[in-house]
Amino acid sequence: MPEGTPRGDFETGLTTDDQLDLRTWLRLLTCANMIEGEVRAKLRTAFDITIARFDLLAQLDRADPTDRGLTMGELSRRLMVTNGNVTALIDRLVGEKLVVRRADPDDRRAQIIELTPNGRRAFAKMSQAHASWITGLFDGVDRKNLEALYRNLAELKTSLKADSDMEGH
């Protein structure tokens, strides 16, 4: 990587001769990595938490409040990681008293994970800060351009989903 290139900058070295779709994809990837890097660092500094643990708490927070919590398998699917990865994250969060785990009364093999009241309060603070950080990262983009980008990304998402559905994925 050339000196002075931000970590995760995948478009460095491309030229205008490279395909527009390739340049666009690499720019999206670069922006996503730069945002994630900032958020990762801020979560660590402000809350001494990893982005993986934050994401797990977010999934639990988003779960239907009438539900009984989420099983380890549900968390694995939502986070797109293995059960082993989820187990390690949950072990840490249980130790921090942010979540509790209990046996699923309907399936003895499964465990239900829920936010504790302390976990709910802690996550509320984290998510408020997270939203503020994201807003700050987008401050340099004109609102009309940001709205256009959002619409354009929706079009891309629809196109990608249609391609995926046609290929049977």
C-alpha atoms as a PDB file:
ATOM      1  CA  MET A   1       0.000   0.000   0.000  1.00  0.00           C
ATOM      2  CA  PRO A   2       1.492   3.364  -0.936  1.00  0.00           C
ATOM      3  CA  GLU A   3       2.663   5.577   1.927  1.00  0.00           C
ATOM      4  CA  GLY A   4      -0.089   7.882   3.184  1.00  0.00           C
ATOM      5  CA  THR A   5      -2.859   5.625   1.868  1.00  0.00           C
ATOM      6  CA  PRO A   6      -5.587   5.116   4.471  1.00  0.00           C
ATOM      7  CA  ARG A   7      -5.892   1.541   5.704  1.00  0.00           C
ATOM      8  CA  GLY A   8      -8.646  -0.217   3.763  1.00  0.00           C
ATOM      9  CA  ASP A   9      -8.391   2.141   0.775  1.00  0.00           C
ATOM     10  CA  PHE A  10      -8.980  -0.399  -1.974  1.00  0.00           C
ATOM     11  CA  GLU A  11      -9.246   2.057  -4.831  1.00  0.00           C
ATOM     12  CA  THR A  12      -5.716   3.453  -4.613  1.00  0.00           C
ATOM     13  CA  GLY A  13      -3.846   2.638  -7.786  1.00  0.00           C
ATOM     14  CA  LEU A  14      -6.922   2.473 -10.005  1.00  0.00           C
ATOM     15  CA  THR A  15      -7.099   4.715 -13.018  1.00  0.00           C
ATOM     16  CA  THR A  16     -10.006   6.159 -14.975  1.00  0.00           C
ATOM     17  CA  ASP A  17      -9.214   3.468 -17.553  1.00  0.00           C
ATOM     18  CA  ASP A  18     -10.425   0.832 -15.093  1.00  0.00           C
ATOM     19  CA  GLN A  19     -14.069  -0.199 -15.387  1.00  0.00           C
ATOM     20  CA  LEU A  20     -16.527   2.178 -13.729  1.00  0.00           C
ATOM     21  CA  ASP A  21     -18.295  -0.703 -11.977  1.00  0.00           C
ATOM     22  CA  LEU A  22     -14.983  -1.916 -10.518  1.00  0.00           C
ATOM     23  CA  ARG A  23     -14.018   1.596  -9.391  1.00  0.00           C
ATOM     24  CA  THR A  24     -17.463   2.113  -7.854  1.00  0.00           C
ATOM     25  CA  TRP A  25     -17.388  -1.196  -5.991  1.00  0.00           C
ATOM     26  CA  LEU A  26     -13.910  -0.462  -4.614  1.00  0.00           C
ATOM     27  CA  ARG A  27     -14.978   3.043  -3.566  1.00  0.00           C
ATOM     28  CA  LEU A  28     -18.002   1.594  -1.723  1.00  0.00           C
ATOM     29  CA  LEU A  29     -15.764  -0.947  -0.025  1.00  0.00           C
ATOM     30  CA  THR A  30     -13.237   1.738   0.915  1.00  0.00           C
ATOM     31  CA  CYS A  31     -15.919   4.028   2.372  1.00  0.00           C
ATOM     32  CA  ALA A  32     -17.507   1.179   4.336  1.00  0.00           C
ATOM     33  CA  ASN A  33     -14.124   0.155   5.739  1.00  0.00           C
ATOM     34  CA  MET A  34     -13.226   3.725   6.669  1.00  0.00           C
ATOM     35  CA  ILE A  35     -16.552   4.232   8.480  1.00  0.00           C
ATOM     36  CA  GLU A  36     -16.249   0.891  10.256  1.00  0.00           C
ATOM     37  CA  GLY A  37     -12.685   1.709  11.330  1.00  0.00           C
ATOM     38  CA  GLU A  38     -13.796   5.006  12.857  1.00  0.00           C
ATOM     39  CA  VAL A  39     -16.752   3.402  14.637  1.00  0.00           C
ATOM     40  CA  ARG A  40     -14.575   0.528  15.863  1.00  0.00           C
ATOM     41  CA  ALA A  41     -12.043   2.941  17.373  1.00  0.00           C
ATOM     42  CA  LYS A  42     -14.715   5.133  18.968  1.00  0.00           C
ATOM     43  CA  LEU A  43     -16.526   2.154  20.523  1.00  0.00           C
ATOM     44  CA  ARG A  44     -13.243   0.920  21.982  1.00  0.00           C
ATOM     45  CA  THR A  45     -12.305   4.352  23.360  1.00  0.00           C
ATOM     46  CA  ALA A  46     -15.717   5.458  24.649  1.00  0.00           C
ATOM     47  CA  PHE A  47     -17.150   2.139  25.872  1.00  0.00           C
ATOM     48  CA  ASP A  48     -14.281  -0.390  25.883  1.00  0.00           C
ATOM     49  CA  ILE A  49     -16.334  -2.660  23.624  1.00  0.00           C
ATOM     50  CA  THR A  50     -15.630  -4.311  20.295  1.00  0.00           C
ATOM     51  CA  ILE A  51     -17.790  -3.757  17.251  1.00  0.00           C
ATOM     52  CA  ALA A  52     -18.691  -7.478  17.301  1.00  0.00           C
ATOM     53  CA  ARG A  53     -20.062  -7.226  20.854  1.00  0.00           C
ATOM     54  CA  PHE A  54     -21.871  -3.982  19.942  1.00  0.00           C
ATOM     55  CA  ASP A  55     -23.472  -5.720  16.935  1.00  0.00           C
ATOM     56  CA  LEU A  56     -24.618  -8.617  19.118  1.00  0.00           C
ATOM     57  CA  LEU A  57     -26.171  -6.208  21.640  1.00  0.00           C
ATOM     58  CA  ALA A  58     -27.867  -4.401  18.742  1.00  0.00           C
ATOM     59  CA  GLN A  59     -29.448  -7.647  17.556  1.00  0.00           C
ATOM     60  CA  LEU A  60     -30.775  -8.357  21.030  1.00  0.00           C
ATOM     61  CA  ASP A  61     -32.051  -4.792  21.322  1.00  0.00           C
ATOM     62  CA  ARG A  62     -33.855  -5.079  17.969  1.00  0.00           C
ATOM     63  CA  ALA A  63     -35.504  -8.375  18.878  1.00  0.00           C
ATOM     64  CA  ASP A  64     -39.262  -8.219  19.293  1.00  0.00           C
ATOM     65  CA  PRO A  65     -39.840  -7.131  22.910  1.00  0.00           C
ATOM     66  CA  THR A  66     -42.639  -9.667  23.227  1.00  0.00           C
ATOM     67  CA  ASP A  67     -40.169 -12.427  22.335  1.00  0.00           C
ATOM     68  CA  ARG A  68     -38.289 -14.368  24.924  1.00  0.00           C
ATOM     69  CA  GLY A  69     -34.889 -13.217  23.616  1.00  0.00           C
ATOM     70  CA  LEU A  70     -32.864 -14.831  20.845  1.00  0.00           C
ATOM     71  CA  THR A  71     -31.339 -18.268  20.648  1.00  0.00           C
ATOM     72  CA  MET A  72     -27.650 -18.685  19.946  1.00  0.00           C
ATOM     73  CA  GLY A  73     -28.588 -20.030  16.500  1.00  0.00           C
ATOM     74  CA  GLU A  74     -30.736 -16.978  15.742  1.00  0.00           C
ATOM     75  CA  LEU A  75     -27.888 -14.695  16.786  1.00  0.00           C
ATOM     76  CA  SER A  76     -25.437 -16.651  14.610  1.00  0.00           C
ATOM     77  CA  ARG A  77     -27.711 -16.284  11.575  1.00  0.00           C
ATOM     78  CA  ARG A  78     -28.364 -12.586  12.174  1.00  0.00           C
ATOM     79  CA  LEU A  79     -24.673 -11.825  12.673  1.00  0.00           C
ATOM     80  CA  MET A  80     -23.590 -14.225   9.916  1.00  0.00           C
ATOM     81  CA  VAL A  81     -20.953 -15.875  12.128  1.00  0.00           C
ATOM     82  CA  THR A  82     -20.474 -19.336  13.572  1.00  0.00           C
ATOM     83  CA  ASN A  83     -22.028 -20.515  16.829  1.00  0.00           C
ATOM     84  CA  GLY A  84     -18.506 -20.658  18.258  1.00  0.00           C
ATOM     85  CA  ASN A  85     -17.967 -16.967  17.565  1.00  0.00           C
ATOM     86  CA  VAL A  86     -21.309 -16.110  19.167  1.00  0.00           C
ATOM     87  CA  THR A  87     -20.505 -18.252  22.220  1.00  0.00           C
ATOM     88  CA  ALA A  88     -17.260 -16.347  22.827  1.00  0.00           C
ATOM     89  CA  LEU A  89     -19.025 -12.982  22.471  1.00  0.00           C
ATOM     90  CA  ILE A  90     -21.835 -14.036  24.808  1.00  0.00           C
ATOM     91  CA  ASP A  91     -19.412 -15.397  27.406  1.00  0.00           C
ATOM     92  CA  ARG A  92     -17.770 -11.974  27.553  1.00  0.00           C
ATOM     93  CA  LEU A  93     -21.103 -10.106  27.688  1.00  0.00           C
ATOM     94  CA  VAL A  94     -22.408 -12.418  30.452  1.00  0.00           C
ATOM     95  CA  GLY A  95     -19.229 -11.659  32.415  1.00  0.00           C
ATOM     96  CA  GLU A  96     -19.909  -7.946  31.958  1.00  0.00           C
ATOM     97  CA  LYS A  97     -23.502  -8.509  33.146  1.00  0.00           C
ATOM     98  CA  LEU A  98     -24.897  -7.049  29.905  1.00  0.00           C
ATOM     99  CA  VAL A  99     -26.720 -10.242  28.876  1.00  0.00           C
ATOM    100  CA  VAL A 100     -28.083 -13.361  30.524  1.00  0.00           C
ATOM    101  CA  ARG A 101     -28.380 -16.817  29.100  1.00  0.00           C
ATOM    102  CA  ARG A 102     -30.975 -19.363  30.095  1.00  0.00           C
ATOM    103  CA  ALA A 103     -32.249 -22.683  28.852  1.00  0.00           C
ATOM    104  CA  ASP A 104     -34.988 -22.587  26.238  1.00  0.00           C
ATOM    105  CA  PRO A 105     -38.072 -24.154  27.858  1.00  0.00           C
ATOM    106  CA  ASP A 106     -39.197 -25.445  24.434  1.00  0.00           C
ATOM    107  CA  ASP A 107     -35.838 -26.946  23.392  1.00  0.00           C
ATOM    108  CA  ARG A 108     -33.446 -28.153  26.060  1.00  0.00           C
ATOM    109  CA  ARG A 109     -30.536 -28.048  23.602  1.00  0.00           C
ATOM    110  CA  ALA A 110     -30.967 -24.330  22.938  1.00  0.00           C
ATOM    111  CA  GLN A 111     -30.085 -21.330  25.055  1.00  0.00           C
ATOM    112  CA  ILE A 112     -31.958 -18.023  25.091  1.00  0.00           C
ATOM    113  CA  ILE A 113     -29.923 -14.821  25.285  1.00  0.00           C
ATOM    114  CA  GLU A 114     -31.470 -11.607  26.614  1.00  0.00           C
ATOM    115  CA  LEU A 115     -30.245  -8.146  27.497  1.00  0.00           C
ATOM    116  CA  THR A 116     -30.140  -7.439  31.217  1.00  0.00           C
ATOM    117  CA  PRO A 117     -31.603  -4.131  32.428  1.00  0.00           C
ATOM    118  CA  ASN A 118     -28.000  -2.935  32.795  1.00  0.00           C
ATOM    119  CA  GLY A 119     -27.291  -4.169  29.261  1.00  0.00           C
ATOM    120  CA  ARG A 120     -30.309  -2.288  27.937  1.00  0.00           C
ATOM    121  CA  ARG A 121     -29.160   0.955  29.610  1.00  0.00           C
ATOM    122  CA  ALA A 122     -25.556   0.512  28.434  1.00  0.00           C
ATOM    123  CA  PHE A 123     -26.627  -0.249  24.881  1.00  0.00           C
ATOM    124  CA  ALA A 124     -28.946   2.779  24.824  1.00  0.00           C
ATOM    125  CA  LYS A 125     -25.932   5.002  25.600  1.00  0.00           C
ATOM    126  CA  MET A 126     -23.781   3.224  23.021  1.00  0.00           C
ATOM    127  CA  SER A 127     -26.397   3.386  20.267  1.00  0.00           C
ATOM    128  CA  GLN A 128     -27.011   7.090  20.897  1.00  0.00           C
ATOM    129  CA  ALA A 129     -23.277   7.773  20.613  1.00  0.00           C
ATOM    130  CA  HIS A 130     -23.052   5.504  17.546  1.00  0.00           C
ATOM    131  CA  ALA A 131     -25.835   7.435  15.788  1.00  0.00           C
ATOM    132  CA  SER A 132     -24.067  10.709  16.583  1.00  0.00           C
ATOM    133  CA  TRP A 133     -20.762   9.396  15.217  1.00  0.00           C
ATOM    134  CA  ILE A 134     -22.399   8.259  11.975  1.00  0.00           C
ATOM    135  CA  THR A 135     -24.062  11.652  11.599  1.00  0.00           C
ATOM    136  CA  GLY A 136     -20.680  13.292  12.134  1.00  0.00           C
ATOM    137  CA  LEU A 137     -18.994  11.083   9.543  1.00  0.00           C
ATOM    138  CA  PHE A 138     -21.585  12.148   6.954  1.00  0.00           C
ATOM    139  CA  ASP A 139     -21.484  15.853   7.900  1.00  0.00           C
ATOM    140  CA  GLY A 140     -19.261  16.707   4.952  1.00  0.00           C
ATOM    141  CA  VAL A 141     -21.802  15.417   2.437  1.00  0.00           C
ATOM    142  CA  ASP A 142     -24.550  17.740   1.212  1.00  0.00           C
ATOM    143  CA  ARG A 143     -28.003  16.420   2.290  1.00  0.00           C
ATOM    144  CA  LYS A 144     -29.328  16.338  -1.282  1.00  0.00           C
ATOM    145  CA  ASN A 145     -26.288  14.350  -2.391  1.00  0.00           C
ATOM    146  CA  LEU A 146     -26.696  12.028   0.578  1.00  0.00           C
ATOM    147  CA  GLU A 147     -30.367  11.460  -0.307  1.00  0.00           C
ATOM    148  CA  ALA A 148     -29.377  10.759  -3.925  1.00  0.00           C
ATOM    149  CA  LEU A 149     -26.686   8.332  -2.763  1.00  0.00           C
ATOM    150  CA  TYR A 150     -29.240   6.557  -0.578  1.00  0.00           C
ATOM    151  CA  ARG A 151     -31.651   6.211  -3.518  1.00  0.00           C
ATOM    152  CA  ASN A 152     -28.868   5.026  -5.833  1.00  0.00           C
ATOM    153  CA  LEU A 153     -27.723   2.442  -3.310  1.00  0.00           C
ATOM    154  CA  ALA A 154     -31.321   1.210  -3.038  1.00  0.00           C
ATOM    155  CA  GLU A 155     -31.327   0.718  -6.809  1.00  0.00           C
ATOM    156  CA  LEU A 156     -28.030  -1.179  -6.596  1.00  0.00           C
ATOM    157  CA  LYS A 157     -29.363  -3.315  -3.738  1.00  0.00           C
ATOM    158  CA  THR A 158     -32.484  -4.192  -5.746  1.00  0.00           C
ATOM    159  CA  SER A 159     -30.363  -5.091  -8.757  1.00  0.00           C
ATOM    160  CA  LEU A 160     -28.040  -7.265  -6.669  1.00  0.00           C
ATOM    161  CA  LYS A 161     -30.975  -9.053  -5.059  1.00  0.00           C
ATOM    162  CA  ALA A 162     -32.556  -9.697  -8.463  1.00  0.00           C
ATOM    163  CA  ASP A 163     -29.255 -11.112  -9.782  1.00  0.00           C
ATOM    164  CA  SER A 164     -28.897 -13.297  -6.695  1.00  0.00           C
ATOM    165  CA  ASP A 165     -32.494 -14.549  -6.963  1.00  0.00           C
ATOM    166  CA  MET A 166     -32.014 -15.387 -10.668  1.00  0.00           C
ATOM    167  CA  GLU A 167     -28.915 -17.416  -9.851  1.00  0.00           C
ATOM    168  CA  GLY A 168     -30.747 -19.264  -7.092  1.00  0.00           C
ATOM    169  CA  HIS A 169     -28.603 -18.033  -4.170  1.00  0.00           C
END
